Amino acid sequence: MFAQKRLQKELVKIQQSLPPGITLVSADNLQEWQLDIRVLDSNPLYLNQNYRLRFRFSNNYPIEAPEVMFISPTPSPTQTPRPIPMHPHIYSNGIICLDLLGSQGWSPVQNVESVCMSIQSMLTGNSKNERPPGNEDFVRRNTQRPRDVRFVYEDDTV
């Protein structure tokens, strides 16, 4: 019940205005939203690229972090392809290694807009055109939902 009220309030705010580079694509229900995000500076790794984020909310939101990952929807005649961004904290399956999205780093004061801005900032500051170490093995073996993965945060320089 609380999650629905909070999400409805956030959705109204998002529909009125979002920071530059962030666009609401769909929020057909209060369990899953999709937003497009792009880097605003001239970082050559992400220049002119749009990326799609999928948010999934539990009934415990905002006490529990949303499940957030990059997705690459199947392109259609009306839809431009959305790649998974290359980044040392983003796996090729779209799972994001970011403490904000885990139970240790999450706070109920966060919201969809602040998560998008954090991810946008994470991309802006990146200069490494690479995936996380062990990407192939992680993608092949992981069976957990993104929010259930217990990452060890060692490198906060990217």
N, C-alpha and C. Protein backbone atom coordinates (compact mmCIF):
# COMPACT_ATOMS: atom_id res chain seq x y z
N MET A 1 0.83 -1.20 0.00
CA MET A 1 0.00 0.00 0.00
C MET A 1 0.87 1.27 0.00
N PHE A 2 1.85 1.31 0.93
CA PHE A 2 2.74 2.46 0.98
C PHE A 2 3.54 2.59 -0.31
N ALA A 3 4.00 1.43 -0.84
CA ALA A 3 4.78 1.45 -2.09
C ALA A 3 3.96 2.08 -3.21
N GLN A 4 2.69 1.72 -3.32
CA GLN A 4 1.86 2.26 -4.39
C GLN A 4 1.71 3.78 -4.28
N LYS A 5 1.47 4.26 -3.07
CA LYS A 5 1.32 5.70 -2.87
C LYS A 5 2.61 6.44 -3.23
N ARG A 6 3.71 5.89 -2.79
CA ARG A 6 5.00 6.53 -3.07
C ARG A 6 5.27 6.53 -4.58
N LEU A 7 5.02 5.40 -5.24
CA LEU A 7 5.27 5.32 -6.69
C LEU A 7 4.34 6.23 -7.48
N GLN A 8 3.09 6.33 -7.07
CA GLN A 8 2.17 7.23 -7.75
C GLN A 8 2.65 8.67 -7.63
N LYS A 9 3.11 9.03 -6.45
CA LYS A 9 3.63 10.38 -6.22
C LYS A 9 4.87 10.64 -7.09
N GLU A 10 5.79 9.66 -7.13
CA GLU A 10 6.99 9.81 -7.96
C GLU A 10 6.63 9.91 -9.43
N LEU A 11 5.68 9.10 -9.86
CA LEU A 11 5.30 9.09 -11.28
C LEU A 11 4.73 10.45 -11.70
N VAL A 12 3.89 11.04 -10.86
CA VAL A 12 3.33 12.35 -11.18
C VAL A 12 4.46 13.37 -11.33
N LYS A 13 5.42 13.34 -10.41
CA LYS A 13 6.55 14.28 -10.47
C LYS A 13 7.39 14.04 -11.73
N ILE A 14 7.66 12.78 -12.03
CA ILE A 14 8.47 12.44 -13.20
C ILE A 14 7.78 12.86 -14.50
N GLN A 15 6.47 12.69 -14.56
CA GLN A 15 5.74 13.06 -15.77
C GLN A 15 5.75 14.56 -15.99
N GLN A 16 5.92 15.33 -14.92
CA GLN A 16 5.97 16.79 -15.04
C GLN A 16 7.35 17.27 -15.45
N SER A 17 8.39 16.67 -14.89
CA SER A 17 9.74 17.09 -15.26
C SER A 17 10.77 16.07 -14.81
N LEU A 18 11.78 15.92 -15.63
CA LEU A 18 12.92 15.07 -15.32
C LEU A 18 14.19 15.85 -15.67
N PRO A 19 15.30 15.53 -15.02
CA PRO A 19 16.56 16.20 -15.38
C PRO A 19 16.91 15.92 -16.84
N PRO A 20 17.71 16.79 -17.44
CA PRO A 20 18.14 16.57 -18.83
C PRO A 20 18.81 15.21 -19.01
N GLY A 21 18.52 14.57 -20.13
CA GLY A 21 19.12 13.28 -20.45
C GLY A 21 18.38 12.09 -19.91
N ILE A 22 17.27 12.31 -19.21
CA ILE A 22 16.49 11.21 -18.65
C ILE A 22 15.06 11.34 -19.16
N THR A 23 14.54 10.24 -19.73
CA THR A 23 13.20 10.26 -20.32
C THR A 23 12.41 9.04 -19.85
N LEU A 24 11.20 9.26 -19.41
CA LEU A 24 10.32 8.15 -19.05
C LEU A 24 9.79 7.52 -20.33
N VAL A 25 9.99 6.21 -20.48
CA VAL A 25 9.53 5.49 -21.67
C VAL A 25 8.19 4.84 -21.39
N SER A 26 8.10 4.14 -20.25
CA SER A 26 6.85 3.50 -19.89
C SER A 26 6.76 3.30 -18.38
N ALA A 27 5.55 3.42 -17.90
CA ALA A 27 5.23 3.14 -16.50
C ALA A 27 3.77 2.69 -16.49
N ASP A 28 3.52 1.62 -17.25
CA ASP A 28 2.15 1.14 -17.42
C ASP A 28 1.55 0.62 -16.13
N ASN A 29 2.40 0.21 -15.21
CA ASN A 29 1.91 -0.24 -13.91
C ASN A 29 2.91 0.22 -12.85
N LEU A 30 2.62 -0.05 -11.62
CA LEU A 30 3.50 0.42 -10.56
C LEU A 30 4.54 -0.63 -10.16
N GLN A 31 4.67 -1.70 -10.94
CA GLN A 31 5.69 -2.71 -10.65
C GLN A 31 6.92 -2.56 -11.54
N GLU A 32 6.75 -2.03 -12.76
CA GLU A 32 7.89 -1.93 -13.68
C GLU A 32 7.81 -0.65 -14.49
N TRP A 33 8.93 0.06 -14.51
CA TRP A 33 9.06 1.27 -15.32
C TRP A 33 10.28 1.13 -16.20
N GLN A 34 10.26 1.84 -17.33
CA GLN A 34 11.44 1.91 -18.19
C GLN A 34 11.74 3.38 -18.47
N LEU A 35 13.03 3.69 -18.39
CA LEU A 35 13.48 5.05 -18.66
C LEU A 35 14.68 4.99 -19.58
N ASP A 36 14.80 5.97 -20.46
CA ASP A 36 15.99 6.12 -21.29
C ASP A 36 16.89 7.13 -20.62
N ILE A 37 18.19 6.88 -20.74
CA ILE A 37 19.18 7.73 -20.11
C ILE A 37 20.32 7.96 -21.10
N ARG A 38 20.84 9.16 -21.10
CA ARG A 38 22.01 9.45 -21.93
C ARG A 38 22.96 10.36 -21.15
N VAL A 39 24.23 10.26 -21.51
CA VAL A 39 25.26 11.06 -20.88
C VAL A 39 25.27 12.42 -21.57
N LEU A 40 25.30 13.48 -20.78
CA LEU A 40 25.18 14.82 -21.34
C LEU A 40 26.49 15.45 -21.76
N ASP A 41 27.60 15.01 -21.19
CA ASP A 41 28.87 15.62 -21.57
C ASP A 41 29.41 14.97 -22.84
N SER A 42 30.62 15.31 -23.20
CA SER A 42 31.18 14.81 -24.46
C SER A 42 32.04 13.55 -24.26
N ASN A 43 31.74 12.75 -23.26
CA ASN A 43 32.48 11.50 -23.04
C ASN A 43 32.38 10.67 -24.32
N PRO A 44 33.51 10.40 -24.98
CA PRO A 44 33.47 9.70 -26.27
C PRO A 44 32.92 8.26 -26.17
N LEU A 45 32.96 7.66 -24.98
CA LEU A 45 32.44 6.30 -24.82
C LEU A 45 30.92 6.25 -25.01
N TYR A 46 30.25 7.35 -24.70
CA TYR A 46 28.78 7.34 -24.68
C TYR A 46 28.15 8.41 -25.56
N LEU A 47 28.96 9.05 -26.39
CA LEU A 47 28.48 10.14 -27.22
C LEU A 47 27.33 9.68 -28.13
N ASN A 48 26.24 10.41 -28.09
CA ASN A 48 25.05 10.15 -28.92
C ASN A 48 24.41 8.80 -28.67
N GLN A 49 24.64 8.21 -27.50
CA GLN A 49 24.02 6.92 -27.17
C GLN A 49 22.89 7.12 -26.17
N ASN A 50 21.82 6.37 -26.36
CA ASN A 50 20.74 6.30 -25.39
C ASN A 50 20.70 4.88 -24.85
N TYR A 51 20.50 4.78 -23.54
CA TYR A 51 20.45 3.48 -22.88
C TYR A 51 19.12 3.34 -22.15
N ARG A 52 18.65 2.11 -22.05
CA ARG A 52 17.36 1.85 -21.42
C ARG A 52 17.56 1.20 -20.06
N LEU A 53 16.94 1.79 -19.04
CA LEU A 53 16.95 1.24 -17.69
C LEU A 53 15.57 0.66 -17.38
N ARG A 54 15.58 -0.50 -16.73
CA ARG A 54 14.32 -1.09 -16.25
C ARG A 54 14.34 -1.06 -14.73
N PHE A 55 13.30 -0.49 -14.16
CA PHE A 55 13.10 -0.47 -12.71
C PHE A 55 11.99 -1.46 -12.39
N ARG A 56 12.23 -2.33 -11.42
CA ARG A 56 11.19 -3.20 -10.88
C ARG A 56 11.07 -2.91 -9.40
N PHE A 57 9.85 -2.72 -8.97
CA PHE A 57 9.59 -2.33 -7.59
C PHE A 57 8.88 -3.45 -6.83
N SER A 58 9.32 -3.67 -5.60
CA SER A 58 8.65 -4.65 -4.74
C SER A 58 7.59 -3.92 -3.92
N ASN A 59 6.80 -4.66 -3.20
CA ASN A 59 5.81 -4.06 -2.31
C ASN A 59 6.48 -3.37 -1.12
N ASN A 60 7.79 -3.57 -0.94
CA ASN A 60 8.52 -2.96 0.16
C ASN A 60 9.25 -1.68 -0.25
N TYR A 61 9.02 -1.22 -1.49
CA TYR A 61 9.62 0.04 -1.92
C TYR A 61 8.96 1.18 -1.16
N PRO A 62 9.63 2.17 -0.68
CA PRO A 62 11.04 2.52 -0.83
C PRO A 62 11.94 1.99 0.30
N ILE A 63 11.41 1.18 1.17
CA ILE A 63 12.25 0.59 2.22
C ILE A 63 13.30 -0.31 1.56
N GLU A 64 12.88 -1.03 0.53
CA GLU A 64 13.78 -1.90 -0.23
C GLU A 64 14.09 -1.23 -1.57
N ALA A 65 15.35 -1.32 -1.98
CA ALA A 65 15.77 -0.73 -3.26
C ALA A 65 15.01 -1.35 -4.43
N PRO A 66 14.77 -0.57 -5.48
CA PRO A 66 14.21 -1.17 -6.69
C PRO A 66 15.27 -2.03 -7.36
N GLU A 67 14.82 -2.94 -8.19
CA GLU A 67 15.75 -3.72 -9.02
C GLU A 67 15.95 -2.91 -10.29
N VAL A 68 17.18 -2.48 -10.52
CA VAL A 68 17.47 -1.61 -11.66
C VAL A 68 18.55 -2.25 -12.51
N MET A 69 18.30 -2.33 -13.80
CA MET A 69 19.32 -2.85 -14.72
C MET A 69 19.13 -2.25 -16.10
N PHE A 70 20.19 -2.28 -16.86
CA PHE A 70 20.10 -1.87 -18.26
C PHE A 70 19.50 -3.02 -19.05
N ILE A 71 18.65 -2.68 -20.00
CA ILE A 71 18.08 -3.70 -20.89
C ILE A 71 18.34 -3.27 -22.33
N SER A 72 18.32 -4.25 -23.20
CA SER A 72 18.49 -4.00 -24.61
C SER A 72 17.26 -4.53 -25.33
N PRO A 73 16.20 -3.71 -25.39
CA PRO A 73 14.96 -4.19 -25.99
C PRO A 73 15.15 -4.54 -27.47
N THR A 74 14.38 -5.48 -27.92
CA THR A 74 14.42 -5.87 -29.32
C THR A 74 13.98 -4.69 -30.17
N PRO A 75 14.84 -4.27 -31.10
CA PRO A 75 14.47 -3.11 -31.93
C PRO A 75 13.28 -3.44 -32.82
N SER A 76 12.49 -2.44 -33.05
CA SER A 76 11.36 -2.55 -33.96
C SER A 76 11.44 -1.38 -34.93
N PRO A 77 10.58 -1.34 -35.93
CA PRO A 77 10.65 -0.22 -36.87
C PRO A 77 10.50 1.14 -36.20
N THR A 78 9.82 1.18 -35.05
CA THR A 78 9.61 2.47 -34.37
C THR A 78 10.55 2.66 -33.19
N GLN A 79 11.39 1.67 -32.92
CA GLN A 79 12.24 1.74 -31.73
C GLN A 79 13.71 1.58 -32.10
N THR A 80 14.52 2.52 -31.64
CA THR A 80 15.95 2.47 -31.86
C THR A 80 16.58 1.46 -30.91
N PRO A 81 17.57 0.69 -31.36
CA PRO A 81 18.22 -0.26 -30.45
C PRO A 81 18.87 0.46 -29.27
N ARG A 82 18.88 -0.20 -28.13
CA ARG A 82 19.51 0.33 -26.93
C ARG A 82 20.56 -0.67 -26.46
N PRO A 83 21.83 -0.34 -26.64
CA PRO A 83 22.88 -1.27 -26.19
C PRO A 83 23.05 -1.21 -24.67
N ILE A 84 23.74 -2.18 -24.12
CA ILE A 84 24.15 -2.14 -22.72
C ILE A 84 25.45 -1.34 -22.69
N PRO A 85 25.54 -0.28 -21.88
CA PRO A 85 26.76 0.53 -21.91
C PRO A 85 27.99 -0.24 -21.43
N MET A 86 29.11 0.06 -22.04
CA MET A 86 30.38 -0.52 -21.64
C MET A 86 30.89 0.26 -20.44
N HIS A 87 31.13 -0.44 -19.34
CA HIS A 87 31.56 0.21 -18.10
C HIS A 87 32.11 -0.86 -17.16
N PRO A 88 33.14 -0.54 -16.39
CA PRO A 88 33.72 -1.53 -15.47
C PRO A 88 32.78 -1.99 -14.35
N HIS A 89 31.62 -1.33 -14.18
CA HIS A 89 30.66 -1.75 -13.16
C HIS A 89 29.32 -2.18 -13.77
N ILE A 90 29.30 -2.42 -15.07
CA ILE A 90 28.05 -2.85 -15.73
C ILE A 90 28.35 -4.13 -16.50
N TYR A 91 27.69 -5.20 -16.11
CA TYR A 91 27.88 -6.49 -16.78
C TYR A 91 27.15 -6.49 -18.12
N SER A 92 27.58 -7.34 -19.01
CA SER A 92 27.01 -7.36 -20.37
C SER A 92 25.55 -7.80 -20.37
N ASN A 93 25.05 -8.37 -19.27
CA ASN A 93 23.62 -8.71 -19.18
C ASN A 93 22.82 -7.55 -18.59
N GLY A 94 23.46 -6.42 -18.32
CA GLY A 94 22.77 -5.23 -17.85
C GLY A 94 22.77 -5.02 -16.35
N ILE A 95 23.26 -5.98 -15.59
CA ILE A 95 23.30 -5.84 -14.14
C ILE A 95 24.35 -4.80 -13.76
N ILE A 96 23.97 -3.91 -12.86
CA ILE A 96 24.81 -2.79 -12.46
C ILE A 96 25.36 -3.04 -11.05
N CYS A 97 26.66 -2.95 -10.92
CA CYS A 97 27.32 -3.08 -9.62
C CYS A 97 27.46 -1.67 -9.05
N LEU A 98 26.49 -1.27 -8.23
CA LEU A 98 26.45 0.07 -7.66
C LEU A 98 25.87 -0.05 -6.26
N ASP A 99 26.63 0.39 -5.25
CA ASP A 99 26.19 0.20 -3.87
C ASP A 99 24.83 0.81 -3.58
N LEU A 100 24.49 1.88 -4.25
CA LEU A 100 23.19 2.52 -4.08
C LEU A 100 22.03 1.56 -4.34
N LEU A 101 22.24 0.57 -5.20
CA LEU A 101 21.17 -0.36 -5.58
C LEU A 101 21.10 -1.59 -4.68
N GLY A 102 22.00 -1.69 -3.72
CA GLY A 102 22.00 -2.83 -2.81
C GLY A 102 21.47 -2.43 -1.45
N SER A 103 21.22 -3.42 -0.62
CA SER A 103 20.63 -3.14 0.69
C SER A 103 21.56 -2.30 1.57
N GLN A 104 22.87 -2.42 1.39
CA GLN A 104 23.81 -1.64 2.21
C GLN A 104 23.79 -0.15 1.84
N GLY A 105 23.69 0.15 0.56
CA GLY A 105 23.79 1.54 0.12
C GLY A 105 22.47 2.25 -0.10
N TRP A 106 21.38 1.51 -0.09
CA TRP A 106 20.07 2.08 -0.39
C TRP A 106 19.53 2.84 0.82
N SER A 107 18.82 3.92 0.55
CA SER A 107 18.11 4.67 1.57
C SER A 107 16.74 5.04 1.01
N PRO A 108 15.69 4.99 1.83
CA PRO A 108 14.36 5.34 1.35
C PRO A 108 14.22 6.79 0.87
N VAL A 109 15.20 7.63 1.15
CA VAL A 109 15.13 9.00 0.61
C VAL A 109 15.47 9.02 -0.88
N GLN A 110 16.10 7.96 -1.37
CA GLN A 110 16.38 7.84 -2.81
C GLN A 110 15.07 7.64 -3.55
N ASN A 111 15.09 7.94 -4.85
CA ASN A 111 13.91 7.71 -5.69
C ASN A 111 14.37 7.42 -7.11
N VAL A 112 13.44 7.22 -8.00
CA VAL A 112 13.77 6.87 -9.38
C VAL A 112 14.65 7.95 -10.01
N GLU A 113 14.31 9.19 -9.80
CA GLU A 113 15.08 10.29 -10.38
C GLU A 113 16.51 10.30 -9.84
N SER A 114 16.68 10.15 -8.54
CA SER A 114 18.04 10.19 -7.97
C SER A 114 18.87 8.99 -8.41
N VAL A 115 18.23 7.83 -8.58
CA VAL A 115 18.95 6.65 -9.08
C VAL A 115 19.42 6.90 -10.51
N CYS A 116 18.54 7.43 -11.35
CA CYS A 116 18.92 7.73 -12.74
C CYS A 116 20.07 8.73 -12.78
N MET A 117 20.01 9.74 -11.94
CA MET A 117 21.07 10.74 -11.93
C MET A 117 22.39 10.14 -11.44
N SER A 118 22.34 9.23 -10.48
CA SER A 118 23.56 8.56 -10.01
C SER A 118 24.17 7.70 -11.11
N ILE A 119 23.33 6.99 -11.85
CA ILE A 119 23.83 6.16 -12.95
C ILE A 119 24.37 7.04 -14.07
N GLN A 120 23.68 8.11 -14.35
CA GLN A 120 24.14 9.06 -15.36
C GLN A 120 25.52 9.61 -14.97
N SER A 121 25.70 9.94 -13.71
CA SER A 121 26.98 10.44 -13.22
C SER A 121 28.06 9.37 -13.29
N MET A 122 27.69 8.14 -12.96
CA MET A 122 28.63 7.02 -13.04
C MET A 122 29.16 6.86 -14.46
N LEU A 123 28.28 6.99 -15.44
CA LEU A 123 28.70 6.89 -16.84
C LEU A 123 29.56 8.09 -17.24
N THR A 124 29.15 9.27 -16.82
CA THR A 124 29.87 10.50 -17.17
C THR A 124 31.33 10.43 -16.73
N GLY A 125 31.58 9.90 -15.54
CA GLY A 125 32.92 9.87 -15.00
C GLY A 125 33.78 8.72 -15.47
N ASN A 126 33.26 7.85 -16.30
CA ASN A 126 34.02 6.67 -16.72
C ASN A 126 34.93 6.96 -17.92
N SER A 127 36.13 6.40 -17.86
CA SER A 127 37.05 6.53 -19.00
C SER A 127 37.54 5.16 -19.48
N LYS A 128 37.03 4.10 -18.89
CA LYS A 128 37.49 2.75 -19.24
C LYS A 128 36.46 2.05 -20.12
N ASN A 129 36.86 1.66 -21.29
CA ASN A 129 35.97 0.98 -22.23
C ASN A 129 36.08 -0.53 -21.99
N GLU A 130 35.59 -0.97 -20.83
CA GLU A 130 35.72 -2.38 -20.46
C GLU A 130 34.59 -2.83 -19.55
N ARG A 131 34.40 -4.13 -19.52
CA ARG A 131 33.42 -4.76 -18.63
C ARG A 131 34.09 -5.10 -17.30
N PRO A 132 33.29 -5.43 -16.28
CA PRO A 132 33.89 -5.84 -15.00
C PRO A 132 34.71 -7.11 -15.16
N PRO A 133 35.72 -7.30 -14.31
CA PRO A 133 36.49 -8.55 -14.34
C PRO A 133 35.54 -9.73 -14.12
N GLY A 134 35.73 -10.80 -14.88
CA GLY A 134 34.89 -11.99 -14.74
C GLY A 134 33.51 -11.85 -15.34
N ASN A 135 33.31 -10.88 -16.24
CA ASN A 135 32.00 -10.63 -16.85
C ASN A 135 31.38 -11.89 -17.45
N GLU A 136 32.14 -12.58 -18.30
CA GLU A 136 31.58 -13.75 -19.00
C GLU A 136 31.13 -14.82 -18.02
N ASP A 137 31.95 -15.10 -17.01
CA ASP A 137 31.61 -16.12 -16.02
C ASP A 137 30.40 -15.69 -15.20
N PHE A 138 30.35 -14.42 -14.78
CA PHE A 138 29.22 -13.92 -14.01
C PHE A 138 27.93 -14.03 -14.80
N VAL A 139 27.95 -13.58 -16.05
CA VAL A 139 26.75 -13.61 -16.89
C VAL A 139 26.29 -15.05 -17.11
N ARG A 140 27.22 -15.95 -17.32
CA ARG A 140 26.88 -17.34 -17.58
C ARG A 140 26.31 -18.03 -16.33
N ARG A 141 26.85 -17.73 -15.17
CA ARG A 141 26.49 -18.47 -13.95
C ARG A 141 25.44 -17.82 -13.07
N ASN A 142 25.27 -16.51 -13.15
CA ASN A 142 24.37 -15.83 -12.22
C ASN A 142 22.91 -16.22 -12.46
N THR A 143 22.23 -16.60 -11.40
CA THR A 143 20.80 -16.92 -11.47
C THR A 143 20.00 -16.04 -10.52
N GLN A 144 20.67 -15.10 -9.86
CA GLN A 144 19.99 -14.24 -8.90
C GLN A 144 19.42 -13.00 -9.57
N ARG A 145 18.38 -12.46 -8.92
CA ARG A 145 17.87 -11.17 -9.35
C ARG A 145 18.94 -10.13 -9.05
N PRO A 146 19.00 -9.05 -9.82
CA PRO A 146 20.04 -8.04 -9.59
C PRO A 146 20.12 -7.56 -8.14
N ARG A 147 19.00 -7.35 -7.48
CA ARG A 147 19.04 -6.83 -6.12
C ARG A 147 19.56 -7.85 -5.11
N ASP A 148 19.57 -9.14 -5.48
CA ASP A 148 20.03 -10.18 -4.56
C ASP A 148 21.51 -10.51 -4.70
N VAL A 149 22.16 -9.97 -5.73
CA VAL A 149 23.59 -10.22 -5.93
C VAL A 149 24.35 -9.45 -4.84
N ARG A 150 25.25 -10.13 -4.18
CA ARG A 150 26.06 -9.50 -3.12
C ARG A 150 27.42 -9.12 -3.69
N PHE A 151 27.52 -7.91 -4.19
CA PHE A 151 28.77 -7.44 -4.76
C PHE A 151 29.73 -7.04 -3.64
N VAL A 152 31.01 -7.15 -3.92
CA VAL A 152 32.05 -6.62 -3.06
C VAL A 152 32.54 -5.36 -3.73
N TYR A 153 32.41 -4.24 -3.05
CA TYR A 153 32.78 -2.95 -3.65
C TYR A 153 34.22 -2.62 -3.31
N GLU A 154 35.10 -2.83 -4.30
CA GLU A 154 36.52 -2.63 -4.10
C GLU A 154 37.04 -1.38 -4.78
N ASP A 155 36.49 -1.07 -5.94
CA ASP A 155 37.04 -0.01 -6.77
C ASP A 155 36.03 1.12 -6.92
N ASP A 156 36.22 2.19 -6.17
CA ASP A 156 35.30 3.31 -6.29
C ASP A 156 35.88 4.43 -7.14
N THR A 157 36.86 4.10 -7.96
CA THR A 157 37.49 5.11 -8.82
C THR A 157 36.82 5.24 -10.17
N VAL A 158 35.87 4.36 -10.49
CA VAL A 158 35.17 4.46 -11.78
C VAL A 158 33.71 4.65 -11.56
